[in-house]
Amino acid sequence: MLKIRLQKIGKKNNLKFRFVLIDSKKASKSGGFLEILGFYDPQSKKGEFKKEKIEYWRLKGAQLSPTTLQLFKRLTADLKK
């Protein structure tokens, strides 16, 4: 099953996150991902993502994790302002 979730990157006390596409059965042990779909910086509350790619993978059956879904909605609402 394909999932879109967050992956931690950055240094201690300076975390950043990536939106990544993973195969949930294989990547949990290897840490590998199929594609980077964007990033999020919680300190500045800014992020960018490839909306077309996320929609494409959702049509193919990928599911968003709950946290990723909330961020996706918040970031798209900020873009409309």
PDB file of N, CA and C in Angstrom:
ATOM      1  N   MET A   1       0.843  -1.170   0.000  1.00  0.00           N
ATOM      2  CA  MET A   1       0.000   0.000   0.000  1.00  0.00           C
ATOM      3  C   MET A   1       0.891   1.237   0.000  1.00  0.00           C
ATOM      4  N   LEU A   2       0.565   2.192  -0.832  1.00  0.00           N
ATOM      5  CA  LEU A   2       1.315   3.435  -0.902  1.00  0.00           C
ATOM      6  C   LEU A   2       0.776   4.426   0.118  1.00  0.00           C
ATOM      7  N   LYS A   3       1.697   5.143   0.762  1.00  0.00           N
ATOM      8  CA  LYS A   3       1.317   6.160   1.736  1.00  0.00           C
ATOM      9  C   LYS A   3       2.135   7.409   1.506  1.00  0.00           C
ATOM     10  N   ILE A   4       1.521   8.540   1.785  1.00  0.00           N
ATOM     11  CA  ILE A   4       2.216   9.821   1.772  1.00  0.00           C
ATOM     12  C   ILE A   4       2.319  10.236   3.230  1.00  0.00           C
ATOM     13  N   ARG A   5       3.546  10.396   3.698  1.00  0.00           N
ATOM     14  CA  ARG A   5       3.746  10.728   5.098  1.00  0.00           C
ATOM     15  C   ARG A   5       4.924  11.670   5.243  1.00  0.00           C
ATOM     16  N   LEU A   6       5.209  12.058   6.493  1.00  0.00           N
ATOM     17  CA  LEU A   6       6.324  12.944   6.776  1.00  0.00           C
ATOM     18  C   LEU A   6       7.566  12.141   7.127  1.00  0.00           C
ATOM     19  N   GLN A   7       8.718  12.651   6.717  1.00  0.00           N
ATOM     20  CA  GLN A   7       9.993  12.061   7.064  1.00  0.00           C
ATOM     21  C   GLN A   7      10.845  13.155   7.699  1.00  0.00           C
ATOM     22  N   LYS A   8      11.403  12.866   8.883  1.00  0.00           N
ATOM     23  CA  LYS A   8      12.222  13.858   9.579  1.00  0.00           C
ATOM     24  C   LYS A   8      13.569  14.015   8.896  1.00  0.00           C
ATOM     25  N   ILE A   9      13.986  15.270   8.759  1.00  0.00           N
ATOM     26  CA  ILE A   9      15.330  15.588   8.283  1.00  0.00           C
ATOM     27  C   ILE A   9      15.816  16.769   9.119  1.00  0.00           C
ATOM     28  N   GLY A  10      17.048  17.133   8.997  1.00  0.00           N
ATOM     29  CA  GLY A  10      17.583  18.275   9.730  1.00  0.00           C
ATOM     30  C   GLY A  10      18.360  17.851  10.953  1.00  0.00           C
ATOM     31  N   LYS A  11      18.722  18.854  11.747  1.00  0.00           N
ATOM     32  CA  LYS A  11      19.529  18.618  12.929  1.00  0.00           C
ATOM     33  C   LYS A  11      18.663  18.621  14.180  1.00  0.00           C
ATOM     34  N   LYS A  12      19.268  18.208  15.264  1.00  0.00           N
ATOM     35  CA  LYS A  12      18.607  18.238  16.559  1.00  0.00           C
ATOM     36  C   LYS A  12      18.237  19.688  16.885  1.00  0.00           C
ATOM     37  N   ASN A  13      17.033  19.906  17.362  1.00  0.00           N
ATOM     38  CA  ASN A  13      16.482  21.232  17.677  1.00  0.00           C
ATOM     39  C   ASN A  13      16.304  22.116  16.448  1.00  0.00           C
ATOM     40  N   ASN A  14      16.442  21.570  15.260  1.00  0.00           N
ATOM     41  CA  ASN A  14      16.209  22.309  14.023  1.00  0.00           C
ATOM     42  C   ASN A  14      15.622  21.343  12.995  1.00  0.00           C
ATOM     43  N   LEU A  15      14.513  20.720  13.356  1.00  0.00           N
ATOM     44  CA  LEU A  15      13.921  19.702  12.503  1.00  0.00           C
ATOM     45  C   LEU A  15      13.169  20.309  11.327  1.00  0.00           C
ATOM     46  N   LYS A  16      13.201  19.592  10.257  1.00  0.00           N
ATOM     47  CA  LYS A  16      12.402  19.887   9.077  1.00  0.00           C
ATOM     48  C   LYS A  16      11.820  18.553   8.627  1.00  0.00           C
ATOM     49  N   PHE A  17      10.787  18.614   7.823  1.00  0.00           N
ATOM     50  CA  PHE A  17      10.129  17.397   7.385  1.00  0.00           C
ATOM     51  C   PHE A  17       9.958  17.410   5.881  1.00  0.00           C
ATOM     52  N   ARG A  18       9.977  16.216   5.293  1.00  0.00           N
ATOM     53  CA  ARG A  18       9.679  16.026   3.882  1.00  0.00           C
ATOM     54  C   ARG A  18       8.351  15.301   3.763  1.00  0.00           C
ATOM     55  N   PHE A  19       7.589  15.651   2.725  1.00  0.00           N
ATOM     56  CA  PHE A  19       6.454  14.832   2.322  1.00  0.00           C
ATOM     57  C   PHE A  19       7.030  13.783   1.381  1.00  0.00           C
ATOM     58  N   VAL A  20       6.901  12.512   1.727  1.00  0.00           N
ATOM     59  CA  VAL A  20       7.451  11.457   0.887  1.00  0.00           C
ATOM     60  C   VAL A  20       6.392  10.412   0.585  1.00  0.00           C
ATOM     61  N   LEU A  21       6.557   9.763  -0.550  1.00  0.00           N
ATOM     62  CA  LEU A  21       5.713   8.642  -0.950  1.00  0.00           C
ATOM     63  C   LEU A  21       6.476   7.369  -0.627  1.00  0.00           C
ATOM     64  N   ILE A  22       5.839   6.469   0.138  1.00  0.00           N
ATOM     65  CA  ILE A  22       6.501   5.232   0.525  1.00  0.00           C
ATOM     66  C   ILE A  22       5.592   4.046   0.227  1.00  0.00           C
ATOM     67  N   ASP A  23       6.198   2.894   0.083  1.00  0.00           N
ATOM     68  CA  ASP A  23       5.464   1.637   0.069  1.00  0.00           C
ATOM     69  C   ASP A  23       5.502   1.140   1.501  1.00  0.00           C
ATOM     70  N   SER A  24       4.380   1.133   2.178  1.00  0.00           N
ATOM     71  CA  SER A  24       4.345   0.896   3.613  1.00  0.00           C
ATOM     72  C   SER A  24       4.854  -0.483   4.010  1.00  0.00           C
ATOM     73  N   LYS A  25       4.820  -1.440   3.125  1.00  0.00           N
ATOM     74  CA  LYS A  25       5.289  -2.783   3.479  1.00  0.00           C
ATOM     75  C   LYS A  25       6.799  -2.920   3.390  1.00  0.00           C
ATOM     76  N   LYS A  26       7.439  -2.153   2.534  1.00  0.00           N
ATOM     77  CA  LYS A  26       8.875  -2.283   2.341  1.00  0.00           C
ATOM     78  C   LYS A  26       9.682  -1.213   3.072  1.00  0.00           C
ATOM     79  N   ALA A  27       9.200   0.012   3.091  1.00  0.00           N
ATOM     80  CA  ALA A  27      10.017   1.136   3.541  1.00  0.00           C
ATOM     81  C   ALA A  27      10.123   1.269   5.052  1.00  0.00           C
ATOM     82  N   SER A  28       9.278   0.592   5.804  1.00  0.00           N
ATOM     83  CA  SER A  28       9.351   0.765   7.251  1.00  0.00           C
ATOM     84  C   SER A  28      10.682   0.263   7.809  1.00  0.00           C
ATOM     85  N   LYS A  29      11.256  -0.744   7.186  1.00  0.00           N
ATOM     86  CA  LYS A  29      12.532  -1.265   7.664  1.00  0.00           C
ATOM     87  C   LYS A  29      13.715  -0.585   6.979  1.00  0.00           C
ATOM     88  N   SER A  30      13.594  -0.295   5.720  1.00  0.00           N
ATOM     89  CA  SER A  30      14.730   0.253   4.989  1.00  0.00           C
ATOM     90  C   SER A  30      14.817   1.766   5.074  1.00  0.00           C
ATOM     91  N   GLY A  31      13.700   2.429   5.347  1.00  0.00           N
ATOM     92  CA  GLY A  31      13.699   3.888   5.390  1.00  0.00           C
ATOM     93  C   GLY A  31      13.661   4.517   4.013  1.00  0.00           C
ATOM     94  N   GLY A  32      13.545   3.703   2.981  1.00  0.00           N
ATOM     95  CA  GLY A  32      13.541   4.214   1.620  1.00  0.00           C
ATOM     96  C   GLY A  32      12.199   4.793   1.232  1.00  0.00           C
ATOM     97  N   PHE A  33      12.212   5.637   0.243  1.00  0.00           N
ATOM     98  CA  PHE A  33      10.990   6.238  -0.260  1.00  0.00           C
ATOM     99  C   PHE A  33      11.024   6.230  -1.776  1.00  0.00           C
ATOM    100  N   LEU A  34       9.866   6.393  -2.367  1.00  0.00           N
ATOM    101  CA  LEU A  34       9.771   6.355  -3.819  1.00  0.00           C
ATOM    102  C   LEU A  34       9.938   7.732  -4.446  1.00  0.00           C
ATOM    103  N   GLU A  35       9.403   8.768  -3.769  1.00  0.00           N
ATOM    104  CA  GLU A  35       9.455  10.109  -4.354  1.00  0.00           C
ATOM    105  C   GLU A  35       9.307  11.152  -3.256  1.00  0.00           C
ATOM    106  N   ILE A  36      10.030  12.270  -3.403  1.00  0.00           N
ATOM    107  CA  ILE A  36       9.875  13.408  -2.502  1.00  0.00           C
ATOM    108  C   ILE A  36       8.804  14.315  -3.095  1.00  0.00           C
ATOM    109  N   LEU A  37       7.796  14.654  -2.284  1.00  0.00           N
ATOM    110  CA  LEU A  37       6.665  15.435  -2.774  1.00  0.00           C
ATOM    111  C   LEU A  37       6.617  16.846  -2.200  1.00  0.00           C
ATOM    112  N   GLY A  38       7.520  17.196  -1.311  1.00  0.00           N
ATOM    113  CA  GLY A  38       7.547  18.537  -0.755  1.00  0.00           C
ATOM    114  C   GLY A  38       8.269  18.563   0.572  1.00  0.00           C
ATOM    115  N   PHE A  39       8.168  19.720   1.286  1.00  0.00           N
ATOM    116  CA  PHE A  39       8.799  19.840   2.589  1.00  0.00           C
ATOM    117  C   PHE A  39       7.968  20.741   3.481  1.00  0.00           C
ATOM    118  N   TYR A  40       8.255  20.673   4.785  1.00  0.00           N
ATOM    119  CA  TYR A  40       7.576  21.510   5.766  1.00  0.00           C
ATOM    120  C   TYR A  40       8.576  21.886   6.854  1.00  0.00           C
ATOM    121  N   ASP A  41       8.614  23.187   7.203  1.00  0.00           N
ATOM    122  CA  ASP A  41       9.469  23.692   8.270  1.00  0.00           C
ATOM    123  C   ASP A  41       8.567  24.144   9.414  1.00  0.00           C
ATOM    124  N   PRO A  42       8.515  23.402  10.528  1.00  0.00           N
ATOM    125  CA  PRO A  42       7.593  23.754  11.607  1.00  0.00           C
ATOM    126  C   PRO A  42       7.968  25.027  12.354  1.00  0.00           C
ATOM    127  N   GLN A  43       9.228  25.435  12.312  1.00  0.00           N
ATOM    128  CA  GLN A  43       9.636  26.648  13.028  1.00  0.00           C
ATOM    129  C   GLN A  43       9.113  27.901  12.338  1.00  0.00           C
ATOM    130  N   SER A  44       9.177  27.935  11.027  1.00  0.00           N
ATOM    131  CA  SER A  44       8.668  29.098  10.288  1.00  0.00           C
ATOM    132  C   SER A  44       7.238  28.882   9.816  1.00  0.00           C
ATOM    133  N   LYS A  45       6.704  27.654  10.031  1.00  0.00           N
ATOM    134  CA  LYS A  45       5.345  27.281   9.622  1.00  0.00           C
ATOM    135  C   LYS A  45       5.141  27.445   8.119  1.00  0.00           C
ATOM    136  N   LYS A  46       6.193  27.189   7.350  1.00  0.00           N
ATOM    137  CA  LYS A  46       6.121  27.289   5.902  1.00  0.00           C
ATOM    138  C   LYS A  46       6.402  25.936   5.283  1.00  0.00           C
ATOM    139  N   GLY A  47       5.852  25.735   4.142  1.00  0.00           N
ATOM    140  CA  GLY A  47       6.087  24.490   3.433  1.00  0.00           C
ATOM    141  C   GLY A  47       5.728  24.626   1.974  1.00  0.00           C
ATOM    142  N   GLU A  48       6.265  23.736   1.188  1.00  0.00           N
ATOM    143  CA  GLU A  48       5.955  23.669  -0.230  1.00  0.00           C
ATOM    144  C   GLU A  48       5.709  22.217  -0.576  1.00  0.00           C
ATOM    145  N   PHE A  49       4.880  21.993  -1.560  1.00  0.00           N
ATOM    146  CA  PHE A  49       4.602  20.637  -1.994  1.00  0.00           C
ATOM    147  C   PHE A  49       4.199  20.662  -3.452  1.00  0.00           C
ATOM    148  N   LYS A  50       4.300  19.506  -4.081  1.00  0.00           N
ATOM    149  CA  LYS A  50       3.914  19.342  -5.475  1.00  0.00           C
ATOM    150  C   LYS A  50       2.476  18.843  -5.496  1.00  0.00           C
ATOM    151  N   LYS A  51       1.552  19.782  -5.589  1.00  0.00           N
ATOM    152  CA  LYS A  51       0.130  19.452  -5.492  1.00  0.00           C
ATOM    153  C   LYS A  51      -0.309  18.486  -6.591  1.00  0.00           C
ATOM    154  N   GLU A  52       0.185  18.686  -7.807  1.00  0.00           N
ATOM    155  CA  GLU A  52      -0.207  17.826  -8.917  1.00  0.00           C
ATOM    156  C   GLU A  52       0.252  16.381  -8.677  1.00  0.00           C
ATOM    157  N   LYS A  53       1.472  16.230  -8.159  1.00  0.00           N
ATOM    158  CA  LYS A  53       1.996  14.891  -7.895  1.00  0.00           C
ATOM    159  C   LYS A  53       1.216  14.215  -6.766  1.00  0.00           C
ATOM    160  N   ILE A  54       0.874  14.978  -5.724  1.00  0.00           N
ATOM    161  CA  ILE A  54       0.106  14.402  -4.614  1.00  0.00           C
ATOM    162  C   ILE A  54      -1.260  13.950  -5.102  1.00  0.00           C
ATOM    163  N   GLU A  55      -1.923  14.775  -5.904  1.00  0.00           N
ATOM    164  CA  GLU A  55      -3.226  14.393  -6.443  1.00  0.00           C
ATOM    165  C   GLU A  55      -3.108  13.175  -7.363  1.00  0.00           C
ATOM    166  N   TYR A  56      -2.038  13.115  -8.153  1.00  0.00           N
ATOM    167  CA  TYR A  56      -1.807  11.975  -9.032  1.00  0.00           C
ATOM    168  C   TYR A  56      -1.690  10.686  -8.220  1.00  0.00           C
ATOM    169  N   TRP A  57      -0.869  10.711  -7.169  1.00  0.00           N
ATOM    170  CA  TRP A  57      -0.678   9.509  -6.364  1.00  0.00           C
ATOM    171  C   TRP A  57      -1.919   9.153  -5.568  1.00  0.00           C
ATOM    172  N   ARG A  58      -2.711  10.149  -5.164  1.00  0.00           N
ATOM    173  CA  ARG A  58      -3.962   9.846  -4.460  1.00  0.00           C
ATOM    174  C   ARG A  58      -4.938   9.143  -5.395  1.00  0.00           C
ATOM    175  N   LEU A  59      -4.952   9.531  -6.659  1.00  0.00           N
ATOM    176  CA  LEU A  59      -5.805   8.846  -7.629  1.00  0.00           C
ATOM    177  C   LEU A  59      -5.333   7.409  -7.865  1.00  0.00           C
ATOM    178  N   LYS A  60      -4.041   7.175  -7.722  1.00  0.00           N
ATOM    179  CA  LYS A  60      -3.485   5.826  -7.878  1.00  0.00           C
ATOM    180  C   LYS A  60      -3.698   4.964  -6.633  1.00  0.00           C
ATOM    181  N   GLY A  61      -4.240   5.551  -5.545  1.00  0.00           N
ATOM    182  CA  GLY A  61      -4.546   4.763  -4.351  1.00  0.00           C
ATOM    183  C   GLY A  61      -3.691   5.074  -3.138  1.00  0.00           C
ATOM    184  N   ALA A  62      -2.791   6.041  -3.232  1.00  0.00           N
ATOM    185  CA  ALA A  62      -1.962   6.393  -2.070  1.00  0.00           C
ATOM    186  C   ALA A  62      -2.821   7.086  -1.022  1.00  0.00           C
ATOM    187  N   GLN A  63      -2.546   6.790   0.243  1.00  0.00           N
ATOM    188  CA  GLN A  63      -3.287   7.403   1.332  1.00  0.00           C
ATOM    189  C   GLN A  63      -2.387   8.363   2.089  1.00  0.00           C
ATOM    190  N   LEU A  64      -2.972   9.476   2.541  1.00  0.00           N
ATOM    191  CA  LEU A  64      -2.240  10.439   3.355  1.00  0.00           C
ATOM    192  C   LEU A  64      -2.328  10.028   4.819  1.00  0.00           C
ATOM    193  N   SER A  65      -1.225  10.181   5.543  1.00  0.00           N
ATOM    194  CA  SER A  65      -1.282   9.952   6.978  1.00  0.00           C
ATOM    195  C   SER A  65      -2.108  11.086   7.597  1.00  0.00           C
ATOM    196  N   PRO A  66      -2.658  10.900   8.797  1.00  0.00           N
ATOM    197  CA  PRO A  66      -3.495  11.955   9.401  1.00  0.00           C
ATOM    198  C   PRO A  66      -2.780  13.301   9.548  1.00  0.00           C
ATOM    199  N   THR A  67      -1.529  13.284   9.988  1.00  0.00           N
ATOM    200  CA  THR A  67      -0.776  14.525  10.150  1.00  0.00           C
ATOM    201  C   THR A  67      -0.523  15.185   8.801  1.00  0.00           C
ATOM    202  N   THR A  68      -0.181  14.394   7.821  1.00  0.00           N
ATOM    203  CA  THR A  68       0.071  14.923   6.482  1.00  0.00           C
ATOM    204  C   THR A  68      -1.195  15.521   5.891  1.00  0.00           C
ATOM    205  N   LEU A  69      -2.327  14.895   6.128  1.00  0.00           N
ATOM    206  CA  LEU A  69      -3.598  15.416   5.635  1.00  0.00           C
ATOM    207  C   LEU A  69      -3.900  16.774   6.240  1.00  0.00           C
ATOM    208  N   GLN A  70      -3.678  16.939   7.543  1.00  0.00           N
ATOM    209  CA  GLN A  70      -3.908  18.226   8.198  1.00  0.00           C
ATOM    210  C   GLN A  70      -2.990  19.302   7.644  1.00  0.00           C
ATOM    211  N   LEU A  71      -1.714  18.987   7.469  1.00  0.00           N
ATOM    212  CA  LEU A  71      -0.768  19.950   6.913  1.00  0.00           C
ATOM    213  C   LEU A  71      -1.129  20.312   5.479  1.00  0.00           C
ATOM    214  N   PHE A  72      -1.509  19.325   4.705  1.00  0.00           N
ATOM    215  CA  PHE A  72      -1.895  19.551   3.312  1.00  0.00           C
ATOM    216  C   PHE A  72      -3.070  20.527   3.244  1.00  0.00           C
ATOM    217  N   LYS A  73      -4.076  20.316   4.097  1.00  0.00           N
ATOM    218  CA  LYS A  73      -5.236  21.214   4.118  1.00  0.00           C
ATOM    219  C   LYS A  73      -4.840  22.615   4.561  1.00  0.00           C
ATOM    220  N   ARG A  74      -3.983  22.710   5.593  1.00  0.00           N
ATOM    221  CA  ARG A  74      -3.564  24.021   6.096  1.00  0.00           C
ATOM    222  C   ARG A  74      -2.746  24.782   5.057  1.00  0.00           C
ATOM    223  N   LEU A  75      -1.832  24.090   4.395  1.00  0.00           N
ATOM    224  CA  LEU A  75      -0.984  24.755   3.410  1.00  0.00           C
ATOM    225  C   LEU A  75      -1.779  25.172   2.174  1.00  0.00           C
ATOM    226  N   THR A  76      -2.765  24.385   1.755  1.00  0.00           N
ATOM    227  CA  THR A  76      -3.581  24.780   0.608  1.00  0.00           C
ATOM    228  C   THR A  76      -4.480  25.941   0.973  1.00  0.00           C
ATOM    229  N   ALA A  77      -4.943  26.014   2.233  1.00  0.00           N
ATOM    230  CA  ALA A  77      -5.762  27.149   2.668  1.00  0.00           C
ATOM    231  C   ALA A  77      -4.920  28.417   2.694  1.00  0.00           C
ATOM    232  N   ASP A  78      -3.641  28.319   3.101  1.00  0.00           N
ATOM    233  CA  ASP A  78      -2.759  29.477   3.125  1.00  0.00           C
ATOM    234  C   ASP A  78      -2.471  29.978   1.723  1.00  0.00           C
ATOM    235  N   LEU A  79      -2.421  29.085   0.748  1.00  0.00           N
ATOM    236  CA  LEU A  79      -2.170  29.486  -0.636  1.00  0.00           C
ATOM    237  C   LEU A  79      -3.341  30.273  -1.213  1.00  0.00           C
ATOM    238  N   LYS A  80      -4.553  29.966  -0.765  1.00  0.00           N
ATOM    239  CA  LYS A  80      -5.731  30.633  -1.307  1.00  0.00           C
ATOM    240  C   LYS A  80      -5.887  32.053  -0.770  1.00  0.00           C
ATOM    241  N   LYS A  81      -5.250  32.359   0.350  1.00  0.00           N
ATOM    242  CA  LYS A  81      -5.370  33.714   0.947  1.00  0.00           C
ATOM    243  C   LYS A  81      -4.629  34.751   0.163  1.00  0.00           C
TER     244      LYS A  81
END
